[in-house]
Amino acid sequence: MSSRPLVQYSPTADESATVAVVRALSEAGDGDPYDGDATLRDDVDTDALDALFDADVGSADVRVTFETRGFRVAVSTAGDRLVTVYGAQSG
């Protein structure tokens, strides 16, 4: 897996973390990362992800990292909210 980010996506203030992750993955993979019955919920609790990043965490830096669809995704509140997608795993 590459340690260089494929995509760094800055969501708008009213965009949920879940929507931001799907948009970043779409950009990284050149299209909809979830086809058929697959959803982001298969790999991460999207309600918890949204709640965590919608909460007022003050000056705390919150970072959640998980794998989905062969990509490693990091969602962070350090400074501005940021979704970072790292390269697909090989093999």
C-alpha atoms as a PDB file:
ATOM      1  CA  MET A   1       0.000   0.000   0.000  1.00  0.00           C
ATOM      2  CA  SER A   2       1.279   3.418  -0.908  1.00  0.00           C
ATOM      3  CA  SER A   3       2.048   5.874   1.889  1.00  0.00           C
ATOM      4  CA  ARG A   4       1.505   8.805  -0.484  1.00  0.00           C
ATOM      5  CA  PRO A   5      -2.069  10.056  -0.538  1.00  0.00           C
ATOM      6  CA  LEU A   6      -4.042   9.551  -3.723  1.00  0.00           C
ATOM      7  CA  VAL A   7      -6.635  12.127  -2.694  1.00  0.00           C
ATOM      8  CA  GLN A   8      -6.938  14.771  -0.016  1.00  0.00           C
ATOM      9  CA  TYR A   9     -10.516  15.992   0.142  1.00  0.00           C
ATOM     10  CA  SER A  10     -11.704  18.962   2.196  1.00  0.00           C
ATOM     11  CA  PRO A  11     -15.438  18.656   2.855  1.00  0.00           C
ATOM     12  CA  THR A  12     -17.691  21.677   3.046  1.00  0.00           C
ATOM     13  CA  ALA A  13     -18.921  22.780   6.465  1.00  0.00           C
ATOM     14  CA  ASP A  14     -22.339  21.170   5.953  1.00  0.00           C
ATOM     15  CA  GLU A  15     -21.064  17.946   4.337  1.00  0.00           C
ATOM     16  CA  SER A  16     -21.173  14.821   6.496  1.00  0.00           C
ATOM     17  CA  ALA A  17     -18.062  12.725   7.001  1.00  0.00           C
ATOM     18  CA  THR A  18     -19.789   9.826   5.225  1.00  0.00           C
ATOM     19  CA  VAL A  19     -20.545  11.878   2.107  1.00  0.00           C
ATOM     20  CA  ALA A  20     -17.009  13.284   2.130  1.00  0.00           C
ATOM     21  CA  VAL A  21     -15.508   9.781   2.310  1.00  0.00           C
ATOM     22  CA  VAL A  22     -17.607   8.515  -0.603  1.00  0.00           C
ATOM     23  CA  ARG A  23     -16.688  11.569  -2.700  1.00  0.00           C
ATOM     24  CA  ALA A  24     -12.984  11.154  -1.897  1.00  0.00           C
ATOM     25  CA  LEU A  25     -13.124   7.445  -2.763  1.00  0.00           C
ATOM     26  CA  SER A  26     -14.923   8.235  -6.016  1.00  0.00           C
ATOM     27  CA  GLU A  27     -12.148  10.652  -6.911  1.00  0.00           C
ATOM     28  CA  ALA A  28      -9.427   8.151  -5.981  1.00  0.00           C
ATOM     29  CA  GLY A  29     -11.000   5.281  -7.876  1.00  0.00           C
ATOM     30  CA  ASP A  30     -12.363   7.178 -10.884  1.00  0.00           C
ATOM     31  CA  GLY A  31     -15.993   6.360 -10.197  1.00  0.00           C
ATOM     32  CA  ASP A  32     -18.508   5.044  -7.707  1.00  0.00           C
ATOM     33  CA  PRO A  33     -16.602   2.853  -5.227  1.00  0.00           C
ATOM     34  CA  TYR A  34     -19.788   1.103  -4.131  1.00  0.00           C
ATOM     35  CA  ASP A  35     -21.621  -0.819  -6.787  1.00  0.00           C
ATOM     36  CA  GLY A  36     -24.416  -3.316  -6.395  1.00  0.00           C
ATOM     37  CA  ASP A  37     -25.256  -4.022  -2.763  1.00  0.00           C
ATOM     38  CA  ALA A  38     -21.925  -2.876  -1.275  1.00  0.00           C
ATOM     39  CA  THR A  39     -21.998   0.235   0.927  1.00  0.00           C
ATOM     40  CA  LEU A  40     -19.593   2.126   3.162  1.00  0.00           C
ATOM     41  CA  ARG A  41     -21.629   0.771   6.101  1.00  0.00           C
ATOM     42  CA  ASP A  42     -20.169  -2.660   5.321  1.00  0.00           C
ATOM     43  CA  ASP A  43     -16.768  -1.430   6.523  1.00  0.00           C
ATOM     44  CA  VAL A  44     -17.415   1.341   9.067  1.00  0.00           C
ATOM     45  CA  ASP A  45     -20.241   2.532  11.314  1.00  0.00           C
ATOM     46  CA  THR A  46     -21.247   5.611   9.312  1.00  0.00           C
ATOM     47  CA  ASP A  47     -23.593   6.942  12.004  1.00  0.00           C
ATOM     48  CA  ALA A  48     -20.735   6.898  14.524  1.00  0.00           C
ATOM     49  CA  LEU A  49     -18.332   8.448  11.994  1.00  0.00           C
ATOM     50  CA  ASP A  50     -20.752  11.290  11.269  1.00  0.00           C
ATOM     51  CA  ALA A  51     -21.523  11.836  14.959  1.00  0.00           C
ATOM     52  CA  LEU A  52     -17.843  11.936  15.882  1.00  0.00           C
ATOM     53  CA  PHE A  53     -16.987  14.516  13.257  1.00  0.00           C
ATOM     54  CA  ASP A  54     -20.137  16.590  13.787  1.00  0.00           C
ATOM     55  CA  ALA A  55     -19.458  16.840  17.523  1.00  0.00           C
ATOM     56  CA  ASP A  56     -17.819  19.911  18.984  1.00  0.00           C
ATOM     57  CA  VAL A  57     -14.403  18.509  19.879  1.00  0.00           C
ATOM     58  CA  GLY A  58     -12.931  21.906  20.683  1.00  0.00           C
ATOM     59  CA  SER A  59      -9.238  21.970  19.922  1.00  0.00           C
ATOM     60  CA  ALA A  60      -8.882  18.177  20.020  1.00  0.00           C
ATOM     61  CA  ASP A  61      -7.490  16.504  16.919  1.00  0.00           C
ATOM     62  CA  VAL A  62      -9.645  13.507  16.071  1.00  0.00           C
ATOM     63  CA  ARG A  63      -8.467  10.998  13.473  1.00  0.00           C
ATOM     64  CA  VAL A  64     -10.176   7.796  12.342  1.00  0.00           C
ATOM     65  CA  THR A  65      -8.487   5.412   9.921  1.00  0.00           C
ATOM     66  CA  PHE A  66     -10.116   2.400   8.272  1.00  0.00           C
ATOM     67  CA  GLU A  67      -9.899   0.267   5.146  1.00  0.00           C
ATOM     68  CA  THR A  68     -12.612  -0.034   2.539  1.00  0.00           C
ATOM     69  CA  ARG A  69     -12.741  -1.207  -1.065  1.00  0.00           C
ATOM     70  CA  GLY A  70      -8.958  -1.764  -1.054  1.00  0.00           C
ATOM     71  CA  PHE A  71      -8.137   1.774   0.077  1.00  0.00           C
ATOM     72  CA  ARG A  72      -6.992   3.107   3.437  1.00  0.00           C
ATOM     73  CA  VAL A  73      -9.027   6.149   4.467  1.00  0.00           C
ATOM     74  CA  ALA A  74      -8.163   8.681   7.162  1.00  0.00           C
ATOM     75  CA  VAL A  75     -10.701  11.245   8.364  1.00  0.00           C
ATOM     76  CA  SER A  76      -9.191  13.988  10.486  1.00  0.00           C
ATOM     77  CA  THR A  77     -10.203  17.166  12.328  1.00  0.00           C
ATOM     78  CA  ALA A  78      -6.628  18.431  12.705  1.00  0.00           C
ATOM     79  CA  GLY A  79      -7.034  22.039  11.596  1.00  0.00           C
ATOM     80  CA  ASP A  80      -9.793  21.803   9.003  1.00  0.00           C
ATOM     81  CA  ARG A  81     -11.685  18.558   8.392  1.00  0.00           C
ATOM     82  CA  LEU A  82      -9.849  16.436   5.852  1.00  0.00           C
ATOM     83  CA  VAL A  83     -10.418  13.056   4.201  1.00  0.00           C
ATOM     84  CA  THR A  84      -7.260  11.384   2.901  1.00  0.00           C
ATOM     85  CA  VAL A  85      -7.329   8.277   0.685  1.00  0.00           C
ATOM     86  CA  TYR A  86      -4.221   6.135   0.320  1.00  0.00           C
ATOM     87  CA  GLY A  87      -3.417   3.690  -2.469  1.00  0.00           C
ATOM     88  CA  ALA A  88      -5.076   0.382  -3.090  1.00  0.00           C
ATOM     89  CA  GLN A  89      -3.592  -2.692  -1.513  1.00  0.00           C
ATOM     90  CA  SER A  90      -1.859  -5.175  -3.756  1.00  0.00           C
ATOM     91  CA  GLY A  91      -2.605  -8.853  -3.605  1.00  0.00           C
END
